[in-house]
Structure formats: structure tokens, C-alpha cells
C-alpha atoms as a PDB file:
ATOM      1  CA  MET A   1    -127.219 -46.846   3.363  1.00  0.00           C
ATOM      2  CA  THR A   2    -124.450 -49.239   2.665  1.00  0.00           C
ATOM      3  CA  HIS A   3    -122.232 -47.003   4.695  1.00  0.00           C
ATOM      4  CA  ALA A   4    -124.386 -47.404   7.780  1.00  0.00           C
ATOM      5  CA  HIS A   5    -124.497 -51.146   7.209  1.00  0.00           C
ATOM      6  CA  THR A   6    -120.672 -51.290   7.220  1.00  0.00           C
ATOM      7  CA  HIS A   7    -120.471 -49.430  10.514  1.00  0.00           C
ATOM      8  CA  SER A   8    -123.053 -51.695  12.125  1.00  0.00           C
ATOM      9  CA  SER A   9    -121.112 -54.859  11.196  1.00  0.00           C
ATOM     10  CA  SER A  10    -117.814 -53.404  12.374  1.00  0.00           C
ATOM     11  CA  PRO A  11    -118.844 -52.992  16.041  1.00  0.00           C
ATOM     12  CA  ALA A  12    -120.288 -56.515  15.986  1.00  0.00           C
ATOM     13  CA  ARG A  13    -117.000 -57.963  14.740  1.00  0.00           C
ATOM     14  CA  CYS A  14    -114.942 -56.045  17.314  1.00  0.00           C
ATOM     15  CA  PRO A  15    -116.007 -58.061  20.417  1.00  0.00           C
ATOM     16  CA  ARG A  16    -115.435 -61.289  18.486  1.00  0.00           C
ATOM     17  CA  VAL A  17    -111.914 -60.235  17.560  1.00  0.00           C
ATOM     18  CA  ILE A  18    -111.207 -59.192  21.135  1.00  0.00           C
ATOM     19  CA  ALA A  19    -112.476 -62.558  22.385  1.00  0.00           C
ATOM     20  CA  ILE A  20    -110.229 -64.444  19.950  1.00  0.00           C
ATOM     21  CA  LEU A  21    -107.225 -62.335  20.888  1.00  0.00           C
ATOM     22  CA  SER A  22    -107.946 -62.819  24.582  1.00  0.00           C
ATOM     23  CA  ALA A  23    -108.237 -66.581  24.186  1.00  0.00           C
ATOM     24  CA  THR A  24    -104.987 -66.668  22.227  1.00  0.00           C
ATOM     25  CA  ALA A  25    -103.191 -64.575  24.857  1.00  0.00           C
ATOM     26  CA  LEU A  26    -104.566 -66.812  27.604  1.00  0.00           C
ATOM     27  CA  ALA A  27    -103.372 -69.943  25.766  1.00  0.00           C
ATOM     28  CA  PHE A  28     -99.879 -68.449  25.329  1.00  0.00           C
ATOM     29  CA  GLY A  29     -99.883 -67.418  28.991  1.00  0.00           C
ATOM     30  CA  LEU A  30    -100.810 -70.915  30.136  1.00  0.00           C
ATOM     31  CA  ALA A  31     -98.209 -72.414  27.838  1.00  0.00           C
ATOM     32  CA  ALA A  32     -95.616 -70.043  29.283  1.00  0.00           C
ATOM     33  CA  CYS A  33     -96.652 -71.051  32.827  1.00  0.00           C
ATOM     34  CA  ASP A  34     -96.296 -74.698  31.914  1.00  0.00           C
ATOM     35  CA  ARG A  35     -92.851 -74.059  30.476  1.00  0.00           C
ATOM     36  CA  ASN A  36     -91.715 -72.244  33.616  1.00  0.00           C
ATOM     37  CA  ASP A  37     -92.222 -75.166  36.026  1.00  0.00           C
ATOM     38  CA  GLY A  38     -92.077 -78.002  33.503  1.00  0.00           C
ATOM     39  CA  GLN A  39     -95.282 -79.622  34.790  1.00  0.00           C
ATOM     40  CA  THR A  40     -98.223 -80.634  32.668  1.00  0.00           C
ATOM     41  CA  VAL A  41    -101.759 -80.134  33.908  1.00  0.00           C
ATOM     42  CA  GLY A  42    -101.867 -83.854  34.716  1.00  0.00           C
ATOM     43  CA  GLN A  43     -98.648 -83.615  36.738  1.00  0.00           C
ATOM     44  CA  LYS A  44     -99.996 -80.617  38.625  1.00  0.00           C
ATOM     45  CA  LEU A  45    -103.177 -82.557  39.364  1.00  0.00           C
ATOM     46  CA  ASP A  46    -101.123 -85.552  40.536  1.00  0.00           C
ATOM     47  CA  ALA A  47     -99.055 -83.284  42.811  1.00  0.00           C
ATOM     48  CA  THR A  48    -102.216 -81.765  44.277  1.00  0.00           C
ATOM     49  CA  ILE A  49    -103.702 -85.215  44.872  1.00  0.00           C
ATOM     50  CA  GLU A  50    -100.447 -86.323  46.505  1.00  0.00           C
ATOM     51  CA  ARG A  51    -100.448 -83.282  48.830  1.00  0.00           C
ATOM     52  CA  THR A  52    -104.083 -83.990  49.732  1.00  0.00           C
ATOM     53  CA  GLY A  53    -103.185 -87.620  50.453  1.00  0.00           C
ATOM     54  CA  GLU A  54    -100.270 -86.518  52.630  1.00  0.00           C
ATOM     55  CA  ALA A  55    -102.565 -84.166  54.571  1.00  0.00           C
ATOM     56  CA  ALA A  56    -105.057 -87.013  55.068  1.00  0.00           C
ATOM     57  CA  SER A  57    -102.267 -89.336  56.238  1.00  0.00           C
ATOM     58  CA  ASP A  58    -101.046 -86.661  58.645  1.00  0.00           C
ATOM     59  CA  ALA A  59    -104.572 -86.197  60.005  1.00  0.00           C
ATOM     60  CA  GLN A  60    -104.903 -89.966  60.417  1.00  0.00           C
ATOM     61  CA  ARG A  61    -101.571 -90.136  62.287  1.00  0.00           C
ATOM     62  CA  ARG A  62    -102.750 -87.386  64.618  1.00  0.00           C
ATOM     63  CA  MET A  63    -106.030 -89.186  65.281  1.00  0.00           C
ATOM     64  CA  GLU A  64    -104.193 -92.454  65.931  1.00  0.00           C
ATOM     65  CA  ALA A  65    -101.848 -90.670  68.362  1.00  0.00           C
ATOM     66  CA  ALA A  66    -104.843 -89.121  70.163  1.00  0.00           C
ATOM     67  CA  ALA A  67    -106.520 -92.546  70.349  1.00  0.00           C
ATOM     68  CA  THR A  68    -103.320 -94.072  71.745  1.00  0.00           C
ATOM     69  CA  GLU A  69    -103.091 -91.339  74.391  1.00  0.00           C
ATOM     70  CA  ALA A  70    -106.742 -91.865  75.337  1.00  0.00           C
ATOM     71  CA  SER A  71    -106.161 -95.616  75.534  1.00  0.00           C
ATOM     72  CA  GLN A  72    -103.108 -95.130  77.769  1.00  0.00           C
ATOM     73  CA  ALA A  73    -105.044 -92.757  80.040  1.00  0.00           C
ATOM     74  CA  SER A  74    -107.835 -95.329  80.248  1.00  0.00           C
ATOM     75  CA  ARG A  75    -105.378 -98.113  81.121  1.00  0.00           C
ATOM     76  CA  GLN A  76    -103.770 -95.918  83.783  1.00  0.00           C
ATOM     77  CA  ALA A  77    -107.178 -95.124  85.303  1.00  0.00           C
ATOM     78  CA  ALA A  78    -108.042 -98.832  85.296  1.00  0.00           C
ATOM     79  CA  ALA A  79    -104.705 -99.640  86.929  1.00  0.00           C
ATOM     80  CA  ARG A  80    -105.340 -97.019  89.632  1.00  0.00           C
ATOM     81  CA  ALA A  81    -108.804 -98.455  90.229  1.00  0.00           C
ATOM     82  CA  ALA A  82    -107.290-101.946  90.457  1.00  0.00           C
ATOM     83  CA  GLU A  83    -104.732-100.668  92.980  1.00  0.00           C
ATOM     84  CA  VAL A  84    -107.521 -99.235  95.139  1.00  0.00           C
ATOM     85  CA  MET A  85    -109.385-102.537  94.897  1.00  0.00           C
ATOM     86  CA  ASP A  86    -106.170-104.430  95.698  1.00  0.00           C
ATOM     87  CA  ASP A  87    -105.555-102.170  98.708  1.00  0.00           C
ATOM     88  CA  ALA A  88    -109.097-102.774  99.968  1.00  0.00           C
ATOM     89  CA  GLY A  89    -108.630-106.529  99.463  1.00  0.00           C
ATOM     90  CA  ILE A  90    -105.301-106.445 101.293  1.00  0.00           C
ATOM     91  CA  SER A  91    -106.879-104.573 104.232  1.00  0.00           C
ATOM     92  CA  ALA A  92    -109.718-107.118 104.379  1.00  0.00           C
ATOM     93  CA  LYS A  93    -107.273-110.048 104.367  1.00  0.00           C
ATOM     94  CA  VAL A  94    -105.120-108.463 107.085  1.00  0.00           C
ATOM     95  CA  LYS A  95    -108.241-107.849 109.240  1.00  0.00           C
ATOM     96  CA  ALA A  96    -109.337-111.447 108.697  1.00  0.00           C
ATOM     97  CA  GLY A  97    -105.866-112.671 109.691  1.00  0.00           C
ATOM     98  CA  LEU A  98    -105.909-110.529 112.837  1.00  0.00           C
ATOM     99  CA  ALA A  99    -109.416-111.793 113.697  1.00  0.00           C
ATOM    100  CA  GLU A 100    -108.147-115.400 113.584  1.00  0.00           C
ATOM    101  CA  ASP A 101    -105.551-114.658 116.256  1.00  0.00           C
ATOM    102  CA  ALA A 102    -106.959-115.260 119.758  1.00  0.00           C
ATOM    103  CA  GLU A 103    -105.207-112.296 121.389  1.00  0.00           C
ATOM    104  CA  LEU A 104    -105.595-109.843 118.541  1.00  0.00           C
ATOM    105  CA  SER A 105    -109.228-110.587 117.690  1.00  0.00           C
ATOM    106  CA  ALA A 106    -110.470-109.045 120.943  1.00  0.00           C
ATOM    107  CA  ILE A 107    -108.911-105.646 120.235  1.00  0.00           C
ATOM    108  CA  ARG A 108    -109.761-102.914 117.791  1.00  0.00           C
ATOM    109  CA  ILE A 109    -106.913-102.617 115.255  1.00  0.00           C
ATOM    110  CA  ASP A 110    -107.366-100.175 112.378  1.00  0.00           C
ATOM    111  CA  VAL A 111    -105.871-101.389 109.099  1.00  0.00           C
ATOM    112  CA  ASP A 112    -105.198 -98.909 106.310  1.00  0.00           C
ATOM    113  CA  THR A 113    -103.566 -99.934 103.016  1.00  0.00           C
ATOM    114  CA  ARG A 114    -102.211 -97.602 100.322  1.00  0.00           C
ATOM    115  CA  ASN A 115    -100.169 -98.884  97.380  1.00  0.00           C
ATOM    116  CA  GLY A 116     -99.504-102.136  99.220  1.00  0.00           C
ATOM    117  CA  ILE A 117     -98.243-100.398 102.375  1.00  0.00           C
ATOM    118  CA  VAL A 118    -100.259-101.525 105.408  1.00  0.00           C
ATOM    119  CA  THR A 119    -100.504 -99.220 108.421  1.00  0.00           C
ATOM    120  CA  LEU A 120    -101.695-100.719 111.708  1.00  0.00           C
ATOM    121  CA  ASN A 121    -103.119 -98.462 114.457  1.00  0.00           C
ATOM    122  CA  GLY A 122    -104.647 -99.202 117.817  1.00  0.00           C
ATOM    123  CA  PRO A 123    -103.857-100.696 121.217  1.00  0.00           C
ATOM    124  CA  VAL A 124    -102.328-104.122 121.909  1.00  0.00           C
ATOM    125  CA  LYS A 125    -101.600-105.933 125.217  1.00  0.00           C
ATOM    126  CA  ASN A 126     -97.862-106.396 124.760  1.00  0.00           C
ATOM    127  CA  ASP A 127     -94.893-106.325 122.431  1.00  0.00           C
ATOM    128  CA  VAL A 128     -95.429-109.982 121.430  1.00  0.00           C
ATOM    129  CA  ALA A 129     -98.962-109.173 120.184  1.00  0.00           C
ATOM    130  CA  ARG A 130     -97.630-106.106 118.412  1.00  0.00           C
ATOM    131  CA  GLU A 131     -95.001-108.165 116.523  1.00  0.00           C
ATOM    132  CA  ARG A 132     -97.527-110.915 115.750  1.00  0.00           C
ATOM    133  CA  ALA A 133     -99.808-108.307 114.114  1.00  0.00           C
ATOM    134  CA  THR A 134     -96.892-107.192 111.917  1.00  0.00           C
ATOM    135  CA  ARG A 135     -96.132-110.792 110.885  1.00  0.00           C
ATOM    136  CA  ILE A 136     -99.808-111.475 110.063  1.00  0.00           C
ATOM    137  CA  ALA A 137     -99.958-108.346 107.882  1.00  0.00           C
ATOM    138  CA  GLN A 138     -96.647-109.201 106.156  1.00  0.00           C
ATOM    139  CA  GLY A 139     -97.997-112.669 105.328  1.00  0.00           C
ATOM    140  CA  VAL A 140    -100.793-111.297 103.171  1.00  0.00           C
ATOM    141  CA  LYS A 141    -100.172-111.431  99.410  1.00  0.00           C
ATOM    142  CA  GLY A 142     -99.688-107.962  97.893  1.00  0.00           C
ATOM    143  CA  VAL A 143     -98.291-106.341 101.047  1.00  0.00           C
ATOM    144  CA  ASN A 144     -95.108-104.400 100.247  1.00  0.00           C
ATOM    145  CA  SER A 145     -94.402-103.243 103.792  1.00  0.00           C
ATOM    146  CA  VAL A 146     -96.036-102.774 107.184  1.00  0.00           C
ATOM    147  CA  VAL A 147     -96.012 -99.599 109.247  1.00  0.00           C
ATOM    148  CA  ASN A 148     -96.790-100.735 112.761  1.00  0.00           C
ATOM    149  CA  GLN A 149     -98.168 -97.881 114.855  1.00  0.00           C
ATOM    150  CA  LEU A 150     -99.795-100.161 117.428  1.00  0.00           C
ATOM    151  CA  THR A 151     -99.389 -98.949 121.012  1.00  0.00           C
ATOM    152  CA  ILE A 152     -98.904-101.210 123.995  1.00  0.00           C
ATOM    153  CA  THR A 153    -101.556-100.575 126.619  1.00  0.00           C
ATOM    154  CA  GLN A 154    -101.635-102.583 129.887  1.00  0.00           C
ATOM    155  CA  GLY A 155    -104.949-104.293 130.538  1.00  0.00           C
ATOM    156  CA  THR A 156    -106.391-103.878 127.017  1.00  0.00           C
ATOM    157  CA  THR A 157    -108.922-106.616 126.318  1.00  0.00           C
ATOM    158  CA  GLY A 158    -111.348-105.041 123.913  1.00  0.00           C
END
């Protein structure tokens, strides 16, 4: 019976021995890995943290660049809206100036403004009235140039 007892303890000891040998081999393997690149576990952890920090910084730079682009697009849209408002204001001021002129107020003159360029269309009595309309439009703040397409029509009164 002792013989059977010896065999039963031997298989029980075998997994324990294998576990110890495995742990030892693993420890030597890890030590060999550490020797190959010269980094301790702490240094490896620091390097990983540094790479993670760099990735976060890169992501932040990308987000800041996207925010800057969005801000620039917003400013450009606001500037375009302001230009349209300025053009409408310029047209209104030119029309008001034409309405103050005795000869020009009686006629229908279309005023169109785009990017500070005023275009005048419609009939006028004579060349003097035509030139006066150009001068009135040029006198309005914000006008870059005037395209005078007014036509001289005899007998035009309104």
C-alpha cells in the first residue's frame, strides 16, 4: 500500500514542479527582455505615458486647428454679410442723394450696389443730369466706383 501512496504523491508534485519551472523560465525571459532594450518596467511605463501624452497633445492641436478654421469661416461669413449690408446702405444713401436733387428726383433711377460698385440705370433728361447722378453716387461713403448706364431721353419727366 505504501507503493500506491508514493505514486499518488508523485503526480501531485508534478504540476507544482512544472509551475515553479514555468515561473522561473518566465522570470529569466523577462529579465532577458529587459536586458535587450535596457529599459526597466518603470521606464517602459514612463515611455508609454509619454507616447499617450504626445497623442493627446496631437489631438488637442488638431482640435485647435479645426476651431481656428471654423472661427475663420465664421468671420468670413460675417464679413460677407456686412458687405451685403454695406451695399444695401450705400444704395439707400445714393437713392436719398438722387431724391434730393430737383431734376433727378422726378425720374426713376435704379441703383444697384455690389462690393462698393454702384450701377445706375434708367432715363435722364440730359448729359448734365447724367453726370450729376454720377457725382452724387461718388460722394457716398463706401462707394468704390460708379458704373453709369443712365440713358438720355428727351422729354423725360417721370
